[in-house]
Amino acid sequence: MIFIADYGAGNLRSVLKAFEYLGVKAFVSSDPSRLAGCSKVILPGVGAFGQAIESLNASGFTEALLEHVDKGGQLLGICLGMQLLLTDSEEMGFWKGMNLIPGRVRHFSSDTDKIPQIGWNSVDQQKESVLFRGISDHSFFYFVHSYYCEPETNDAVASTTWFAGKNFCSAIEKNGIFAVQFHPEKSSDAGLQVLKNFAGC
């Protein structure tokens, strides 16, 4: 059973529908205490980092998620949910994240590319990752974001993507912590395979 965290900043229905399509049991809840009985958790998210982390902290989800990971549970962050796993963000000020993956969330800067990045882009695998099993390297996924993750070290980087003059980290895998900057639930067959891989790992 997969727990999908409802903390007021997620495109929850599309993620839930994707798992239903795959035949994977999942449920949405705004109650962090229900997370305790689940081995796998999805942290989705759209919107601003500051508002999202404040909501996570106030609702008790931050503490519950940290405990979940500490006990060996698996976690998948999606889009903003990925960014929240890092140490801090420069989005509209300075915000402290969950610090599960040391690093910073930064804003794209470009004179040539239109920001935010909206649409399909290639994902280049950097290491063998559970998330990309059965998925061809350089497959395309759907992105919507103005900020990107910059981990302190490369050991957590599962894939990179080229945009706005840089190869940014587009997926993470480290010690049961997974994250993707793209939206797998909106990324056709390849995206569904990512969710299926997480469910089965």
C-alpha atoms as a PDB file:
ATOM      1  CA  MET A   1       0.000   0.000   0.000  1.00  0.00           C
ATOM      2  CA  ILE A   2       1.404   3.380  -1.046  1.00  0.00           C
ATOM      3  CA  PHE A   3       0.690   6.488   1.020  1.00  0.00           C
ATOM      4  CA  ILE A   4       0.257   9.744  -0.938  1.00  0.00           C
ATOM      5  CA  ALA A   5       0.787  12.729   1.346  1.00  0.00           C
ATOM      6  CA  ASP A   6      -1.878  15.435   1.161  1.00  0.00           C
ATOM      7  CA  TYR A   7      -0.373  18.562   2.709  1.00  0.00           C
ATOM      8  CA  GLY A   8      -2.210  21.042   0.526  1.00  0.00           C
ATOM      9  CA  ALA A   9       0.354  21.361  -2.270  1.00  0.00           C
ATOM     10  CA  GLY A  10      -0.082  18.383  -4.519  1.00  0.00           C
ATOM     11  CA  ASN A  11      -1.630  17.261  -7.777  1.00  0.00           C
ATOM     12  CA  LEU A  12      -2.876  14.267  -5.826  1.00  0.00           C
ATOM     13  CA  ARG A  13      -5.659  12.986  -8.033  1.00  0.00           C
ATOM     14  CA  SER A  14      -3.506  12.474 -11.123  1.00  0.00           C
ATOM     15  CA  VAL A  15      -0.886  10.587  -9.088  1.00  0.00           C
ATOM     16  CA  LEU A  16      -3.552   8.398  -7.479  1.00  0.00           C
ATOM     17  CA  LYS A  17      -5.184   7.728 -10.853  1.00  0.00           C
ATOM     18  CA  ALA A  18      -1.821   6.655 -12.282  1.00  0.00           C
ATOM     19  CA  PHE A  19      -1.403   4.034  -9.560  1.00  0.00           C
ATOM     20  CA  GLU A  20      -4.994   2.889 -10.037  1.00  0.00           C
ATOM     21  CA  TYR A  21      -4.289   2.445 -13.752  1.00  0.00           C
ATOM     22  CA  LEU A  22      -1.236   0.336 -12.853  1.00  0.00           C
ATOM     23  CA  GLY A  23      -3.287  -1.765 -10.439  1.00  0.00           C
ATOM     24  CA  VAL A  24      -1.191  -0.619  -7.477  1.00  0.00           C
ATOM     25  CA  LYS A  25      -2.971  -0.011  -4.186  1.00  0.00           C
ATOM     26  CA  ALA A  26      -2.520   3.573  -3.022  1.00  0.00           C
ATOM     27  CA  PHE A  27      -4.436   6.105  -0.973  1.00  0.00           C
ATOM     28  CA  VAL A  28      -4.345   9.826  -0.241  1.00  0.00           C
ATOM     29  CA  SER A  29      -4.362  11.116   3.330  1.00  0.00           C
ATOM     30  CA  SER A  30      -3.774  14.372   5.197  1.00  0.00           C
ATOM     31  CA  ASP A  31      -3.166  12.436   8.441  1.00  0.00           C
ATOM     32  CA  PRO A  32       0.577  11.855   9.051  1.00  0.00           C
ATOM     33  CA  SER A  33      -0.168   9.179  11.655  1.00  0.00           C
ATOM     34  CA  ARG A  34      -1.517   6.881   8.903  1.00  0.00           C
ATOM     35  CA  LEU A  35       1.895   6.943   7.276  1.00  0.00           C
ATOM     36  CA  ALA A  36       3.316   4.639   9.964  1.00  0.00           C
ATOM     37  CA  GLY A  37       1.811   1.482   8.481  1.00  0.00           C
ATOM     38  CA  CYS A  38       3.136   2.070   4.952  1.00  0.00           C
ATOM     39  CA  SER A  39       6.524   1.102   3.553  1.00  0.00           C
ATOM     40  CA  LYS A  40       6.289   3.497   0.589  1.00  0.00           C
ATOM     41  CA  VAL A  41       5.308   7.166   0.550  1.00  0.00           C
ATOM     42  CA  ILE A  42       4.767   9.651  -2.277  1.00  0.00           C
ATOM     43  CA  LEU A  43       5.452  13.342  -1.627  1.00  0.00           C
ATOM     44  CA  PRO A  44       3.934  15.190  -4.601  1.00  0.00           C
ATOM     45  CA  GLY A  45       3.849  18.946  -4.941  1.00  0.00           C
ATOM     46  CA  VAL A  46       3.155  21.976  -7.102  1.00  0.00           C
ATOM     47  CA  GLY A  47       3.507  25.595  -6.032  1.00  0.00           C
ATOM     48  CA  ALA A  48       5.943  27.556  -3.894  1.00  0.00           C
ATOM     49  CA  PHE A  49       8.626  25.999  -1.688  1.00  0.00           C
ATOM     50  CA  GLY A  50       8.063  28.277   1.316  1.00  0.00           C
ATOM     51  CA  GLN A  51       4.335  27.688   1.570  1.00  0.00           C
ATOM     52  CA  ALA A  52       4.820  23.949   1.073  1.00  0.00           C
ATOM     53  CA  ILE A  53       7.480  23.470   3.763  1.00  0.00           C
ATOM     54  CA  GLU A  54       5.452  25.549   6.222  1.00  0.00           C
ATOM     55  CA  SER A  55       2.456  23.314   5.550  1.00  0.00           C
ATOM     56  CA  LEU A  56       4.556  20.166   5.979  1.00  0.00           C
ATOM     57  CA  ASN A  57       5.951  21.433   9.275  1.00  0.00           C
ATOM     58  CA  ALA A  58       2.601  22.635  10.645  1.00  0.00           C
ATOM     59  CA  SER A  59       0.761  19.429   9.730  1.00  0.00           C
ATOM     60  CA  GLY A  60       3.334  17.108  11.279  1.00  0.00           C
ATOM     61  CA  PHE A  61       4.297  15.592   7.938  1.00  0.00           C
ATOM     62  CA  THR A  62       7.937  16.687   8.145  1.00  0.00           C
ATOM     63  CA  GLU A  63       8.494  14.791  11.384  1.00  0.00           C
ATOM     64  CA  ALA A  64       6.548  11.769  10.117  1.00  0.00           C
ATOM     65  CA  LEU A  65       8.471  11.630   6.837  1.00  0.00           C
ATOM     66  CA  LEU A  66      11.857  11.925   8.553  1.00  0.00           C
ATOM     67  CA  GLU A  67      10.868   9.103  10.905  1.00  0.00           C
ATOM     68  CA  HIS A  68       9.635   7.036   7.948  1.00  0.00           C
ATOM     69  CA  VAL A  69      12.990   7.330   6.175  1.00  0.00           C
ATOM     70  CA  ASP A  70      14.937   6.764   9.411  1.00  0.00           C
ATOM     71  CA  LYS A  71      13.125   3.458   9.880  1.00  0.00           C
ATOM     72  CA  GLY A  72      14.016   2.312   6.370  1.00  0.00           C
ATOM     73  CA  GLY A  73      10.826   3.287   4.575  1.00  0.00           C
ATOM     74  CA  GLN A  74      10.995   4.422   0.961  1.00  0.00           C
ATOM     75  CA  LEU A  75      10.041   7.888  -0.221  1.00  0.00           C
ATOM     76  CA  LEU A  76       9.431   9.329  -3.692  1.00  0.00           C
ATOM     77  CA  GLY A  77       9.328  13.102  -4.110  1.00  0.00           C
ATOM     78  CA  ILE A  78       7.726  14.478  -7.274  1.00  0.00           C
ATOM     79  CA  CYS A  79       8.466  17.966  -8.681  1.00  0.00           C
ATOM     80  CA  LEU A  80       8.193  20.350  -5.692  1.00  0.00           C
ATOM     81  CA  GLY A  81       8.219  17.209  -3.541  1.00  0.00           C
ATOM     82  CA  MET A  82      11.755  16.552  -4.802  1.00  0.00           C
ATOM     83  CA  GLN A  83      12.906  20.066  -3.946  1.00  0.00           C
ATOM     84  CA  LEU A  84      11.539  19.822  -0.408  1.00  0.00           C
ATOM     85  CA  LEU A  85      13.947  16.945   0.295  1.00  0.00           C
ATOM     86  CA  LEU A  86      16.988  19.210  -0.039  1.00  0.00           C
ATOM     87  CA  THR A  87      18.661  21.373   2.594  1.00  0.00           C
ATOM     88  CA  ASP A  88      17.332  24.764   1.539  1.00  0.00           C
ATOM     89  CA  SER A  89      15.795  26.826  -1.250  1.00  0.00           C
ATOM     90  CA  GLU A  90      16.341  30.315  -2.609  1.00  0.00           C
ATOM     91  CA  GLU A  91      12.776  30.569  -3.932  1.00  0.00           C
ATOM     92  CA  MET A  92      11.360  33.973  -2.885  1.00  0.00           C
ATOM     93  CA  GLY A  93      13.747  34.303   0.039  1.00  0.00           C
ATOM     94  CA  PHE A  94      15.540  31.598   1.988  1.00  0.00           C
ATOM     95  CA  TRP A  95      13.809  28.475   3.241  1.00  0.00           C
ATOM     96  CA  LYS A  96      15.073  25.419   5.068  1.00  0.00           C
ATOM     97  CA  GLY A  97      14.028  22.098   3.590  1.00  0.00           C
ATOM     98  CA  MET A  98      13.979  18.586   5.049  1.00  0.00           C
ATOM     99  CA  ASN A  99      17.732  18.071   4.477  1.00  0.00           C
ATOM    100  CA  LEU A 100      17.347  14.418   3.486  1.00  0.00           C
ATOM    101  CA  ILE A 101      19.571  15.166   0.496  1.00  0.00           C
ATOM    102  CA  PRO A 102      22.250  17.823   1.176  1.00  0.00           C
ATOM    103  CA  GLY A 103      21.970  20.565  -1.414  1.00  0.00           C
ATOM    104  CA  ARG A 104      20.178  23.720  -2.525  1.00  0.00           C
ATOM    105  CA  VAL A 105      17.208  24.567  -4.737  1.00  0.00           C
ATOM    106  CA  ARG A 106      18.161  27.273  -7.229  1.00  0.00           C
ATOM    107  CA  HIS A 107      16.387  29.405  -9.831  1.00  0.00           C
ATOM    108  CA  PHE A 108      17.076  28.940 -13.525  1.00  0.00           C
ATOM    109  CA  SER A 109      18.703  31.911 -15.231  1.00  0.00           C
ATOM    110  CA  SER A 110      18.855  32.192 -19.017  1.00  0.00           C
ATOM    111  CA  ASP A 111      18.930  34.765 -21.794  1.00  0.00           C
ATOM    112  CA  THR A 112      17.860  32.217 -24.397  1.00  0.00           C
ATOM    113  CA  ASP A 113      15.467  29.721 -22.798  1.00  0.00           C
ATOM    114  CA  LYS A 114      12.009  30.677 -21.592  1.00  0.00           C
ATOM    115  CA  ILE A 115      11.553  30.084 -17.872  1.00  0.00           C
ATOM    116  CA  PRO A 116       9.709  28.193 -16.461  1.00  0.00           C
ATOM    117  CA  GLN A 117      10.547  25.042 -18.336  1.00  0.00           C
ATOM    118  CA  ILE A 118       7.207  23.649 -19.476  1.00  0.00           C
ATOM    119  CA  GLY A 119       7.035  20.573 -21.655  1.00  0.00           C
ATOM    120  CA  TRP A 120       8.910  17.432 -22.620  1.00  0.00           C
ATOM    121  CA  ASN A 121      12.646  17.045 -22.166  1.00  0.00           C
ATOM    122  CA  SER A 122      15.222  14.275 -22.303  1.00  0.00           C
ATOM    123  CA  VAL A 123      16.360  12.550 -19.107  1.00  0.00           C
ATOM    124  CA  ASP A 124      19.929  11.276 -19.176  1.00  0.00           C
ATOM    125  CA  GLN A 125      20.599   8.461 -16.732  1.00  0.00           C
ATOM    126  CA  GLN A 126      23.733   8.894 -14.623  1.00  0.00           C
ATOM    127  CA  LYS A 127      23.733   5.580 -12.781  1.00  0.00           C
ATOM    128  CA  GLU A 128      21.800   2.352 -12.572  1.00  0.00           C
ATOM    129  CA  SER A 129      18.615   3.302 -10.753  1.00  0.00           C
ATOM    130  CA  VAL A 130      15.534   1.399  -9.666  1.00  0.00           C
ATOM    131  CA  LEU A 131      13.418   4.229 -11.059  1.00  0.00           C
ATOM    132  CA  PHE A 132      14.631   3.734 -14.628  1.00  0.00           C
ATOM    133  CA  ARG A 133      14.476  -0.044 -14.911  1.00  0.00           C
ATOM    134  CA  GLY A 134      13.071  -0.973 -18.315  1.00  0.00           C
ATOM    135  CA  ILE A 135      13.292   2.646 -19.520  1.00  0.00           C
ATOM    136  CA  SER A 136      15.613   3.650 -22.356  1.00  0.00           C
ATOM    137  CA  ASP A 137      18.261   6.248 -21.585  1.00  0.00           C
ATOM    138  CA  HIS A 138      17.438   9.735 -22.923  1.00  0.00           C
ATOM    139  CA  SER A 139      13.689   9.055 -22.713  1.00  0.00           C
ATOM    140  CA  PHE A 140      11.463  12.118 -22.578  1.00  0.00           C
ATOM    141  CA  PHE A 141       9.425  13.186 -19.542  1.00  0.00           C
ATOM    142  CA  TYR A 142       7.118  16.135 -18.811  1.00  0.00           C
ATOM    143  CA  PHE A 143       8.491  19.062 -16.774  1.00  0.00           C
ATOM    144  CA  VAL A 144       6.925  22.192 -15.260  1.00  0.00           C
ATOM    145  CA  HIS A 145       9.332  24.187 -13.062  1.00  0.00           C
ATOM    146  CA  SER A 146      11.375  27.362 -12.606  1.00  0.00           C
ATOM    147  CA  TYR A 147      13.691  25.991  -9.900  1.00  0.00           C
ATOM    148  CA  TYR A 148      16.054  23.024  -9.921  1.00  0.00           C
ATOM    149  CA  CYS A 149      17.890  20.877  -7.383  1.00  0.00           C
ATOM    150  CA  GLU A 150      21.644  21.148  -6.905  1.00  0.00           C
ATOM    151  CA  PRO A 151      22.820  18.330  -4.589  1.00  0.00           C
ATOM    152  CA  GLU A 152      26.144  18.892  -2.817  1.00  0.00           C
ATOM    153  CA  THR A 153      27.570  15.642  -4.180  1.00  0.00           C
ATOM    154  CA  ASN A 154      26.880  13.527  -7.254  1.00  0.00           C
ATOM    155  CA  ASP A 155      26.307  10.234  -5.426  1.00  0.00           C
ATOM    156  CA  ALA A 156      22.551  10.867  -5.171  1.00  0.00           C
ATOM    157  CA  VAL A 157      22.097  12.017  -8.787  1.00  0.00           C
ATOM    158  CA  ALA A 158      20.250   9.370 -10.796  1.00  0.00           C
ATOM    159  CA  SER A 159      19.702  11.494 -13.913  1.00  0.00           C
ATOM    160  CA  THR A 160      20.381  14.907 -15.397  1.00  0.00           C
ATOM    161  CA  THR A 161      18.541  17.033 -17.954  1.00  0.00           C
ATOM    162  CA  TRP A 162      19.800  19.899 -20.132  1.00  0.00           C
ATOM    163  CA  PHE A 163      17.951  23.203 -19.839  1.00  0.00           C
ATOM    164  CA  ALA A 164      18.858  26.896 -19.611  1.00  0.00           C
ATOM    165  CA  GLY A 165      22.517  26.197 -20.346  1.00  0.00           C
ATOM    166  CA  LYS A 166      23.081  23.593 -17.651  1.00  0.00           C
ATOM    167  CA  ASN A 167      22.779  19.912 -16.850  1.00  0.00           C
ATOM    168  CA  PHE A 168      20.566  19.955 -13.761  1.00  0.00           C
ATOM    169  CA  CYS A 169      19.705  17.032 -11.510  1.00  0.00           C
ATOM    170  CA  SER A 170      16.369  15.629 -12.695  1.00  0.00           C
ATOM    171  CA  ALA A 171      16.206  12.494 -10.521  1.00  0.00           C
ATOM    172  CA  ILE A 172      17.624  11.283  -7.220  1.00  0.00           C
ATOM    173  CA  GLU A 173      18.175   7.881  -5.673  1.00  0.00           C
ATOM    174  CA  LYS A 174      19.988   7.374  -2.374  1.00  0.00           C
ATOM    175  CA  ASN A 175      19.353   5.033   0.569  1.00  0.00           C
ATOM    176  CA  GLY A 176      15.667   4.479  -0.177  1.00  0.00           C
ATOM    177  CA  ILE A 177      15.074   8.136  -1.000  1.00  0.00           C
ATOM    178  CA  PHE A 178      13.897   8.709  -4.571  1.00  0.00           C
ATOM    179  CA  ALA A 179      12.852  11.892  -6.322  1.00  0.00           C
ATOM    180  CA  VAL A 180      12.069  13.192  -9.806  1.00  0.00           C
ATOM    181  CA  GLN A 181      11.772  16.785 -10.995  1.00  0.00           C
ATOM    182  CA  PHE A 182       9.489  15.748 -13.857  1.00  0.00           C
ATOM    183  CA  HIS A 183       5.888  14.594 -13.501  1.00  0.00           C
ATOM    184  CA  PRO A 184       5.791  10.813 -14.047  1.00  0.00           C
ATOM    185  CA  GLU A 185       1.988  10.819 -13.825  1.00  0.00           C
ATOM    186  CA  LYS A 186       1.925  13.090 -16.891  1.00  0.00           C
ATOM    187  CA  SER A 187       4.763  11.412 -18.799  1.00  0.00           C
ATOM    188  CA  SER A 188       2.995   8.666 -20.727  1.00  0.00           C
ATOM    189  CA  ASP A 189       4.378   5.096 -20.658  1.00  0.00           C
ATOM    190  CA  ALA A 190       7.851   6.019 -19.403  1.00  0.00           C
ATOM    191  CA  GLY A 191       6.397   7.948 -16.484  1.00  0.00           C
ATOM    192  CA  LEU A 192       4.050   5.123 -15.556  1.00  0.00           C
ATOM    193  CA  GLN A 193       7.026   2.764 -15.604  1.00  0.00           C
ATOM    194  CA  VAL A 194       8.851   5.016 -13.107  1.00  0.00           C
ATOM    195  CA  LEU A 195       5.868   4.772 -10.723  1.00  0.00           C
ATOM    196  CA  LYS A 196       5.618   1.020 -11.291  1.00  0.00           C
ATOM    197  CA  ASN A 197       9.335   0.638 -10.558  1.00  0.00           C
ATOM    198  CA  PHE A 198       8.994   2.550  -7.294  1.00  0.00           C
ATOM    199  CA  ALA A 199       5.987   0.502  -6.279  1.00  0.00           C
ATOM    200  CA  GLY A 200       7.831  -2.732  -6.940  1.00  0.00           C
ATOM    201  CA  CYS A 201      11.257  -1.924  -5.533  1.00  0.00           C
END
